[in-house]
N, C-alpha and C. Protein backbone atom coordinates (compact mmCIF):
# COMPACT_ATOMS: atom_id res chain seq x y z
N UNK A 1 22.25 4.12 -4.13
CA UNK A 1 20.80 4.02 -3.99
C UNK A 1 20.42 2.55 -3.82
N UNK A 2 19.61 2.28 -2.80
CA UNK A 2 19.16 0.92 -2.54
C UNK A 2 17.86 0.64 -3.29
N UNK A 3 17.62 -0.64 -3.57
CA UNK A 3 16.36 -1.05 -4.18
C UNK A 3 15.63 -1.92 -3.17
N UNK A 4 14.34 -1.67 -3.04
CA UNK A 4 13.52 -2.44 -2.11
C UNK A 4 12.24 -2.85 -2.85
N UNK A 5 11.79 -4.07 -2.60
CA UNK A 5 10.55 -4.57 -3.22
C UNK A 5 9.44 -4.43 -2.19
N UNK A 6 8.40 -3.69 -2.56
CA UNK A 6 7.27 -3.48 -1.67
C UNK A 6 6.03 -4.12 -2.27
N UNK A 7 5.17 -4.64 -1.43
CA UNK A 7 3.92 -5.26 -1.88
C UNK A 7 2.76 -4.32 -1.55
N UNK A 8 1.86 -4.17 -2.50
CA UNK A 8 0.71 -3.28 -2.32
C UNK A 8 -0.56 -3.96 -2.78
N UNK A 9 -1.68 -3.46 -2.26
CA UNK A 9 -3.00 -3.92 -2.71
C UNK A 9 -3.75 -2.69 -3.22
N UNK A 10 -4.70 -2.94 -4.09
CA UNK A 10 -5.50 -1.85 -4.64
C UNK A 10 -6.94 -2.33 -4.75
N UNK A 11 -7.87 -1.44 -4.42
CA UNK A 11 -9.28 -1.78 -4.51
C UNK A 11 -10.08 -0.52 -4.81
N UNK A 12 -11.31 -0.72 -5.28
CA UNK A 12 -12.19 0.41 -5.59
C UNK A 12 -13.04 0.69 -4.36
N UNK A 13 -13.08 1.96 -3.99
CA UNK A 13 -13.88 2.41 -2.84
C UNK A 13 -14.68 3.63 -3.30
N UNK A 14 -15.97 3.43 -3.55
CA UNK A 14 -16.76 4.51 -4.12
C UNK A 14 -16.31 4.78 -5.55
N UNK A 15 -16.00 6.03 -5.85
CA UNK A 15 -15.55 6.36 -7.20
C UNK A 15 -14.03 6.45 -7.31
N UNK A 16 -13.31 6.09 -6.26
CA UNK A 16 -11.85 6.16 -6.27
C UNK A 16 -11.23 4.78 -6.06
N UNK A 17 -9.99 4.65 -6.49
CA UNK A 17 -9.19 3.46 -6.20
C UNK A 17 -8.25 3.79 -5.05
N UNK A 18 -8.14 2.87 -4.12
CA UNK A 18 -7.24 3.04 -2.97
C UNK A 18 -6.10 2.05 -3.14
N UNK A 19 -4.88 2.54 -2.98
CA UNK A 19 -3.69 1.68 -3.04
C UNK A 19 -3.01 1.75 -1.68
N UNK A 20 -2.71 0.59 -1.13
CA UNK A 20 -2.09 0.53 0.20
C UNK A 20 -0.88 -0.38 0.18
N UNK A 21 0.20 0.10 0.75
CA UNK A 21 1.42 -0.71 0.86
C UNK A 21 1.29 -1.62 2.06
N UNK A 22 1.61 -2.88 1.90
CA UNK A 22 1.52 -3.85 3.00
C UNK A 22 2.77 -3.83 3.89
N UNK A 23 3.87 -3.31 3.40
CA UNK A 23 5.12 -3.31 4.15
C UNK A 23 5.18 -2.18 5.18
N UNK A 24 4.59 -1.05 4.85
CA UNK A 24 4.52 0.09 5.76
C UNK A 24 3.10 0.65 5.70
N UNK A 25 2.69 1.36 6.71
CA UNK A 25 1.32 1.84 6.79
C UNK A 25 1.15 3.13 5.99
N UNK A 26 1.21 3.00 4.66
CA UNK A 26 1.07 4.13 3.75
C UNK A 26 0.04 3.76 2.69
N UNK A 27 -0.86 4.69 2.40
CA UNK A 27 -1.83 4.46 1.34
C UNK A 27 -2.08 5.77 0.61
N UNK A 28 -2.70 5.65 -0.56
CA UNK A 28 -3.05 6.82 -1.36
C UNK A 28 -4.23 6.42 -2.24
N UNK A 29 -4.71 7.35 -3.05
CA UNK A 29 -5.87 7.05 -3.89
C UNK A 29 -5.78 7.82 -5.20
N UNK A 30 -6.66 7.45 -6.13
CA UNK A 30 -6.75 8.14 -7.41
C UNK A 30 -8.01 7.74 -8.14
N UNK A 31 -8.30 8.45 -9.21
CA UNK A 31 -9.50 8.16 -10.00
C UNK A 31 -9.35 6.89 -10.82
N UNK A 32 -8.11 6.46 -11.08
CA UNK A 32 -7.84 5.22 -11.80
C UNK A 32 -6.85 4.39 -10.98
N UNK A 33 -6.72 3.11 -11.34
CA UNK A 33 -5.73 2.27 -10.66
C UNK A 33 -4.33 2.84 -10.85
N UNK A 34 -4.05 3.25 -12.09
CA UNK A 34 -2.72 3.79 -12.39
C UNK A 34 -2.43 5.05 -11.56
N UNK A 35 -3.39 5.94 -11.48
CA UNK A 35 -3.21 7.17 -10.70
C UNK A 35 -3.01 6.85 -9.22
N UNK A 36 -3.76 5.89 -8.70
CA UNK A 36 -3.61 5.50 -7.31
C UNK A 36 -2.21 4.94 -7.04
N UNK A 37 -1.70 4.13 -7.97
CA UNK A 37 -0.36 3.56 -7.79
C UNK A 37 0.74 4.62 -7.92
N UNK A 38 0.56 5.56 -8.84
CA UNK A 38 1.54 6.65 -8.97
C UNK A 38 1.56 7.48 -7.69
N UNK A 39 0.38 7.78 -7.15
CA UNK A 39 0.30 8.55 -5.92
C UNK A 39 0.89 7.79 -4.73
N UNK A 40 0.66 6.47 -4.69
CA UNK A 40 1.24 5.66 -3.62
C UNK A 40 2.76 5.65 -3.72
N UNK A 41 3.27 5.50 -4.91
CA UNK A 41 4.73 5.49 -5.10
C UNK A 41 5.35 6.80 -4.61
N UNK A 42 4.72 7.91 -4.95
CA UNK A 42 5.22 9.21 -4.49
C UNK A 42 5.20 9.31 -2.97
N UNK A 43 4.11 8.86 -2.36
CA UNK A 43 4.01 8.89 -0.90
C UNK A 43 5.07 7.99 -0.26
N UNK A 44 5.31 6.83 -0.85
CA UNK A 44 6.32 5.91 -0.32
C UNK A 44 7.73 6.50 -0.44
N UNK A 45 8.02 7.14 -1.57
CA UNK A 45 9.34 7.75 -1.75
C UNK A 45 9.58 8.81 -0.69
N UNK A 46 8.58 9.63 -0.41
CA UNK A 46 8.71 10.65 0.63
C UNK A 46 8.89 10.03 2.00
N UNK A 47 8.11 9.00 2.30
CA UNK A 47 8.19 8.32 3.59
C UNK A 47 9.56 7.68 3.79
N UNK A 48 10.06 7.00 2.77
CA UNK A 48 11.31 6.27 2.89
C UNK A 48 12.54 7.18 2.96
N UNK A 49 12.39 8.46 2.61
CA UNK A 49 13.49 9.41 2.76
C UNK A 49 13.89 9.57 4.22
N UNK A 50 12.91 9.42 5.13
CA UNK A 50 13.12 9.74 6.54
C UNK A 50 13.26 8.54 7.47
N UNK A 51 13.23 7.31 6.95
CA UNK A 51 13.35 6.16 7.85
C UNK A 51 14.50 5.25 7.41
N UNK A 52 14.90 4.41 8.34
CA UNK A 52 15.90 3.40 8.06
C UNK A 52 15.19 2.25 7.33
N UNK A 53 15.63 1.92 6.13
CA UNK A 53 14.96 0.91 5.31
C UNK A 53 14.93 -0.46 6.00
N UNK A 54 15.85 -0.71 6.91
CA UNK A 54 15.84 -2.00 7.62
C UNK A 54 14.60 -2.14 8.51
N UNK A 55 13.88 -1.05 8.77
CA UNK A 55 12.67 -1.11 9.59
C UNK A 55 11.42 -1.45 8.78
N UNK A 56 11.57 -1.60 7.47
CA UNK A 56 10.44 -1.95 6.61
C UNK A 56 10.15 -3.43 6.77
N UNK A 57 8.91 -3.77 7.05
CA UNK A 57 8.49 -5.15 7.24
C UNK A 57 8.55 -5.91 5.92
N UNK A 58 9.14 -7.09 5.95
CA UNK A 58 9.18 -7.94 4.77
C UNK A 58 7.87 -8.73 4.69
N UNK A 59 7.20 -8.67 3.56
CA UNK A 59 5.92 -9.36 3.37
C UNK A 59 6.11 -10.48 2.37
N UNK A 60 5.83 -11.70 2.80
CA UNK A 60 5.95 -12.88 1.94
C UNK A 60 4.56 -13.38 1.57
N UNK A 61 4.29 -13.61 0.34
CA UNK A 61 3.06 -14.22 -0.17
C UNK A 61 1.78 -13.76 0.55
N UNK A 62 1.39 -12.50 0.41
CA UNK A 62 0.15 -12.05 1.06
C UNK A 62 -1.08 -12.70 0.43
N UNK A 63 -2.12 -12.86 1.21
CA UNK A 63 -3.38 -13.43 0.74
C UNK A 63 -4.53 -12.52 1.14
N UNK A 64 -5.59 -12.53 0.35
CA UNK A 64 -6.82 -11.87 0.74
C UNK A 64 -7.68 -12.93 1.41
N UNK A 65 -8.09 -12.66 2.63
CA UNK A 65 -8.85 -13.63 3.41
C UNK A 65 -10.15 -12.99 3.88
N UNK A 66 -11.27 -13.66 3.66
CA UNK A 66 -12.55 -13.17 4.15
C UNK A 66 -12.71 -13.57 5.60
N UNK A 67 -13.27 -12.65 6.38
CA UNK A 67 -13.52 -12.92 7.80
C UNK A 67 -14.96 -12.52 8.12
N UNK A 68 -15.89 -13.48 8.14
CA UNK A 68 -17.26 -13.15 8.49
C UNK A 68 -17.33 -12.60 9.91
N UNK A 69 -18.15 -11.59 10.11
CA UNK A 69 -18.26 -10.95 11.41
C UNK A 69 -19.71 -10.61 11.66
N UNK A 70 -20.22 -10.99 12.82
CA UNK A 70 -21.58 -10.62 13.22
C UNK A 70 -21.50 -9.38 14.09
N UNK A 71 -22.40 -8.45 13.87
CA UNK A 71 -22.40 -7.24 14.68
C UNK A 71 -23.84 -6.79 14.91
N UNK A 72 -24.03 -6.00 15.93
CA UNK A 72 -25.38 -5.55 16.28
C UNK A 72 -25.70 -4.21 15.67
């Protein structure tokens, strides 16, 4: 069994917490941060069963960056 380190972000959206993995395009949600992370872990385990782990993007030192945007 291989071990891989994945980076994730979590935020509150309405009444739920959303957890998203930065290495692969997988996200999940829950009523609490803990539930969102447990659900994300389960989704990631299922996803990683079917892919070659070498295709997972390595994420180094992610940052949250604000981007002001004007729109009509």
